[in-house]
C-alpha atoms as a PDB file:
ATOM      1  CA  MET A   1      52.018 -14.902 -45.383  1.00  0.00           C
ATOM      2  CA  SER A   2      55.102 -13.184 -44.520  1.00  0.00           C
ATOM      3  CA  ASP A   3      57.392 -13.057 -41.453  1.00  0.00           C
ATOM      4  CA  GLU A   4      57.143  -9.207 -41.297  1.00  0.00           C
ATOM      5  CA  PRO A   5      55.957  -8.080 -37.781  1.00  0.00           C
ATOM      6  CA  VAL A   6      52.528  -6.523 -37.419  1.00  0.00           C
ATOM      7  CA  LYS A   7      51.816  -3.847 -34.778  1.00  0.00           C
ATOM      8  CA  TYR A   8      48.448  -4.256 -33.024  1.00  0.00           C
ATOM      9  CA  LEU A   9      46.708  -1.958 -30.653  1.00  0.00           C
ATOM     10  CA  LEU A  10      45.229  -3.920 -27.744  1.00  0.00           C
ATOM     11  CA  PHE A  11      42.121  -2.504 -26.022  1.00  0.00           C
ATOM     12  CA  THR A  12      39.231  -3.641 -23.921  1.00  0.00           C
ATOM     13  CA  CYS A  13      35.561  -3.670 -24.505  1.00  0.00           C
ATOM     14  CA  GLY A  14      33.984  -4.360 -21.032  1.00  0.00           C
ATOM     15  CA  ASP A  15      35.834  -7.377 -19.736  1.00  0.00           C
ATOM     16  CA  THR A  16      37.118  -8.583 -23.079  1.00  0.00           C
ATOM     17  CA  ASP A  17      40.444  -7.812 -24.752  1.00  0.00           C
ATOM     18  CA  TYR A  18      40.564  -7.197 -28.439  1.00  0.00           C
ATOM     19  CA  ALA A  19      43.253  -6.011 -30.950  1.00  0.00           C
ATOM     20  CA  ILE A  20      43.309  -4.380 -34.326  1.00  0.00           C
ATOM     21  CA  PRO A  21      46.242  -3.676 -36.637  1.00  0.00           C
ATOM     22  CA  SER A  22      47.662  -0.274 -35.559  1.00  0.00           C
ATOM     23  CA  LEU A  23      47.543   0.998 -39.090  1.00  0.00           C
ATOM     24  CA  LEU A  24      43.758   1.076 -38.788  1.00  0.00           C
ATOM     25  CA  VAL A  25      43.844   3.523 -35.877  1.00  0.00           C
ATOM     26  CA  ARG A  26      43.385   7.118 -36.711  1.00  0.00           C
ATOM     27  CA  GLU A  27      42.948   8.573 -33.274  1.00  0.00           C
ATOM     28  CA  ILE A  28      41.779   7.669 -29.733  1.00  0.00           C
ATOM     29  CA  VAL A  29      39.284  10.091 -28.419  1.00  0.00           C
ATOM     30  CA  SER A  30      37.319  10.380 -25.093  1.00  0.00           C
ATOM     31  CA  GLY A  31      34.522  12.624 -23.706  1.00  0.00           C
ATOM     32  CA  LEU A  32      32.858  13.501 -27.043  1.00  0.00           C
ATOM     33  CA  PRO A  33      29.088  13.142 -27.019  1.00  0.00           C
ATOM     34  CA  VAL A  34      27.496  10.512 -29.219  1.00  0.00           C
ATOM     35  CA  TYR A  35      24.309  11.640 -30.956  1.00  0.00           C
ATOM     36  CA  PRO A  36      21.743   8.772 -31.568  1.00  0.00           C
ATOM     37  CA  VAL A  37      20.536   8.074 -35.054  1.00  0.00           C
ATOM     38  CA  PRO A  38      17.153   6.567 -35.691  1.00  0.00           C
ATOM     39  CA  PHE A  39      16.512   3.366 -37.693  1.00  0.00           C
ATOM     40  CA  VAL A  40      19.805   1.772 -37.321  1.00  0.00           C
ATOM     41  CA  PRO A  41      20.841  -1.539 -35.721  1.00  0.00           C
ATOM     42  CA  THR A  42      21.354  -1.544 -31.956  1.00  0.00           C
ATOM     43  CA  TRP A  43      25.064  -1.964 -32.290  1.00  0.00           C
ATOM     44  CA  VAL A  44      25.275   1.478 -34.135  1.00  0.00           C
ATOM     45  CA  ARG A  45      25.392   3.786 -31.124  1.00  0.00           C
ATOM     46  CA  GLY A  46      25.128   6.995 -33.219  1.00  0.00           C
ATOM     47  CA  LEU A  47      27.511   9.655 -34.451  1.00  0.00           C
ATOM     48  CA  LEU A  48      30.237  11.650 -32.831  1.00  0.00           C
ATOM     49  CA  ASN A  49      31.736  14.814 -34.304  1.00  0.00           C
ATOM     50  CA  ARG A  50      35.477  15.222 -34.356  1.00  0.00           C
ATOM     51  CA  HIS A  51      36.710  18.476 -35.802  1.00  0.00           C
ATOM     52  CA  GLY A  52      33.587  18.806 -37.963  1.00  0.00           C
ATOM     53  CA  GLU A  53      33.699  15.262 -39.252  1.00  0.00           C
ATOM     54  CA  PRO A  54      31.092  12.714 -38.325  1.00  0.00           C
ATOM     55  CA  PHE A  55      32.091   9.265 -37.350  1.00  0.00           C
ATOM     56  CA  VAL A  56      29.640   6.408 -36.920  1.00  0.00           C
ATOM     57  CA  VAL A  57      30.145   4.851 -33.497  1.00  0.00           C
ATOM     58  CA  LEU A  58      29.975   0.949 -33.441  1.00  0.00           C
ATOM     59  CA  ASP A  59      29.615  -0.970 -30.275  1.00  0.00           C
ATOM     60  CA  PRO A  60      31.365  -4.310 -30.592  1.00  0.00           C
ATOM     61  CA  GLU A  61      29.703  -5.739 -27.399  1.00  0.00           C
ATOM     62  CA  VAL A  62      26.247  -5.321 -28.719  1.00  0.00           C
ATOM     63  CA  LEU A  63      27.306  -6.758 -32.102  1.00  0.00           C
ATOM     64  CA  PHE A  64      28.551  -9.824 -30.158  1.00  0.00           C
ATOM     65  CA  GLY A  65      25.306 -10.105 -28.108  1.00  0.00           C
ATOM     66  CA  ARG A  66      26.386  -8.497 -24.925  1.00  0.00           C
ATOM     67  CA  ASP A  67      25.329  -5.347 -23.005  1.00  0.00           C
ATOM     68  CA  PRO A  68      26.200  -1.942 -24.481  1.00  0.00           C
ATOM     69  CA  LEU A  69      29.392  -0.315 -23.311  1.00  0.00           C
ATOM     70  CA  LYS A  70      29.285   2.611 -20.941  1.00  0.00           C
ATOM     71  CA  GLY A  71      31.812   5.434 -21.110  1.00  0.00           C
ATOM     72  CA  SER A  72      32.989   7.708 -23.922  1.00  0.00           C
ATOM     73  CA  THR A  73      36.229   6.369 -25.328  1.00  0.00           C
ATOM     74  CA  ALA A  74      36.316   5.678 -29.097  1.00  0.00           C
ATOM     75  CA  LEU A  75      38.926   4.446 -31.535  1.00  0.00           C
ATOM     76  CA  LEU A  76      38.564   6.446 -34.711  1.00  0.00           C
ATOM     77  CA  LEU A  77      39.389   4.208 -37.522  1.00  0.00           C
ATOM     78  CA  SER A  78      41.452   4.943 -40.674  1.00  0.00           C
ATOM     79  CA  VAL A  79      39.374   3.051 -43.265  1.00  0.00           C
ATOM     80  CA  PRO A  80      39.285   4.439 -46.781  1.00  0.00           C
ATOM     81  CA  GLY A  81      35.884   5.660 -47.684  1.00  0.00           C
ATOM     82  CA  ASP A  82      34.351   5.204 -44.151  1.00  0.00           C
ATOM     83  CA  GLN A  83      34.237   7.523 -41.172  1.00  0.00           C
ATOM     84  CA  VAL A  84      33.703   4.861 -38.369  1.00  0.00           C
ATOM     85  CA  SER A  85      34.827   4.395 -34.793  1.00  0.00           C
ATOM     86  CA  LEU A  86      34.609   1.658 -32.083  1.00  0.00           C
ATOM     87  CA  ARG A  87      33.261   2.226 -28.692  1.00  0.00           C
ATOM     88  CA  ILE A  88      35.849   0.845 -26.179  1.00  0.00           C
ATOM     89  CA  THR A  89      36.499   0.767 -22.471  1.00  0.00           C
ATOM     90  CA  ASP A  90      40.232   1.342 -22.386  1.00  0.00           C
ATOM     91  CA  VAL A  91      43.552   1.167 -24.296  1.00  0.00           C
ATOM     92  CA  CYS A  92      45.887  -1.502 -23.073  1.00  0.00           C
ATOM     93  CA  GLU A  93      49.075  -1.579 -25.150  1.00  0.00           C
ATOM     94  CA  PHE A  94      50.822  -1.818 -28.581  1.00  0.00           C
ATOM     95  CA  LEU A  95      52.102  -5.149 -29.429  1.00  0.00           C
ATOM     96  CA  THR A  96      54.294  -6.153 -32.280  1.00  0.00           C
ATOM     97  CA  VAL A  97      53.811  -9.760 -33.491  1.00  0.00           C
ATOM     98  CA  PRO A  98      55.318 -11.677 -36.452  1.00  0.00           C
ATOM     99  CA  GLU A  99      52.533 -12.336 -38.958  1.00  0.00           C
ATOM    100  CA  PRO A 100      52.902 -16.076 -38.712  1.00  0.00           C
ATOM    101  CA  ASP A 101      52.113 -15.685 -34.904  1.00  0.00           C
ATOM    102  CA  LEU A 102      48.549 -14.744 -35.725  1.00  0.00           C
ATOM    103  CA  HIS A 103      46.555 -17.829 -34.728  1.00  0.00           C
ATOM    104  CA  ARG A 104      43.595 -18.603 -36.956  1.00  0.00           C
ATOM    105  CA  ILE A 105      40.263 -19.326 -35.232  1.00  0.00           C
ATOM    106  CA  SER A 106      37.154 -21.133 -36.256  1.00  0.00           C
ATOM    107  CA  ALA A 107      33.686 -21.329 -34.846  1.00  0.00           C
ATOM    108  CA  PRO A 108      30.607 -23.396 -35.538  1.00  0.00           C
ATOM    109  CA  ASP A 109      28.592 -20.218 -36.348  1.00  0.00           C
ATOM    110  CA  GLU A 110      29.268 -17.071 -38.466  1.00  0.00           C
ATOM    111  CA  SER A 111      30.961 -15.220 -35.428  1.00  0.00           C
ATOM    112  CA  ALA A 112      34.487 -16.110 -36.639  1.00  0.00           C
ATOM    113  CA  VAL A 113      34.102 -13.942 -39.641  1.00  0.00           C
ATOM    114  CA  PHE A 114      34.412 -10.939 -37.301  1.00  0.00           C
ATOM    115  CA  PHE A 115      38.001 -12.051 -36.378  1.00  0.00           C
ATOM    116  CA  LEU A 116      41.100 -12.264 -38.209  1.00  0.00           C
ATOM    117  CA  GLY A 117      42.619 -14.622 -35.541  1.00  0.00           C
ATOM    118  CA  ALA A 118      44.158 -14.260 -32.160  1.00  0.00           C
ATOM    119  CA  VAL A 119      47.509 -13.045 -30.865  1.00  0.00           C
ATOM    120  CA  THR A 120      49.181 -13.837 -27.607  1.00  0.00           C
ATOM    121  CA  SER A 121      50.017 -10.950 -25.299  1.00  0.00           C
ATOM    122  CA  SER A 122      51.061 -10.574 -21.682  1.00  0.00           C
ATOM    123  CA  ARG A 123      47.344 -10.480 -21.039  1.00  0.00           C
ATOM    124  CA  GLY A 124      46.767 -13.790 -22.744  1.00  0.00           C
ATOM    125  CA  ASP A 125      45.233 -14.623 -26.091  1.00  0.00           C
ATOM    126  CA  VAL A 126      43.471 -11.665 -27.748  1.00  0.00           C
ATOM    127  CA  PHE A 127      41.123 -11.734 -30.535  1.00  0.00           C
ATOM    128  CA  VAL A 128      42.046  -9.550 -33.552  1.00  0.00           C
ATOM    129  CA  LEU A 129      38.956  -7.884 -34.917  1.00  0.00           C
ATOM    130  CA  ASN A 130      38.362  -8.046 -38.737  1.00  0.00           C
ATOM    131  CA  ILE A 131      37.184  -4.497 -39.319  1.00  0.00           C
ATOM    132  CA  HIS A 132      36.284  -5.054 -42.893  1.00  0.00           C
ATOM    133  CA  SER A 133      33.884  -7.930 -42.008  1.00  0.00           C
ATOM    134  CA  ILE A 134      32.322  -5.715 -39.383  1.00  0.00           C
ATOM    135  CA  LEU A 135      31.783  -2.945 -41.879  1.00  0.00           C
ATOM    136  CA  GLU A 136      30.383  -5.465 -44.341  1.00  0.00           C
ATOM    137  CA  ARG A 137      27.848  -6.518 -41.743  1.00  0.00           C
ATOM    138  CA  LEU A 138      27.097  -2.851 -41.022  1.00  0.00           C
ATOM    139  CA  ALA A 139      26.195  -2.362 -44.673  1.00  0.00           C
ATOM    140  CA  VAL A 140      23.920  -5.345 -44.672  1.00  0.00           C
ATOM    141  CA  ASP A 141      22.214  -4.391 -41.378  1.00  0.00           C
ATOM    142  CA  VAL A 142      21.815  -0.727 -42.369  1.00  0.00           C
ATOM    143  CA  GLY A 143      20.372  -1.869 -45.754  1.00  0.00           C
ATOM    144  CA  SER A 144      17.830  -4.083 -43.972  1.00  0.00           C
ATOM    145  CA  SER A 145      16.789  -1.567 -41.208  1.00  0.00           C
END
């Protein structure tokens, strides 16, 4: 672990705040239609088209057992080999945090695998999503659908 600061994008999904490393954010878009895709897990909302490129739209709220998000804002992610996006409610702020200030979390079930930890912001403690674990879960869920 280094002392180098990491910049995070803080955003909301419903009433919950989350963060991801800003290096994973390609673009923030709103108002694009999402086209449903059959035979996928419920947390895969469909595809959106951005400049002729399809992006899979994932809904973190459904993945975590909550109601689907309404609205049309998405974070297009910059993940090599994948065209994915997260359905979100709103963008809050960018936050720079020294890497040692990322608090590790644990849970009695498998849910902790979806988080890198938590950071403290002016909004309180915010869970940092582990995008790679979410994509691994997507590969498993799509493979079994």
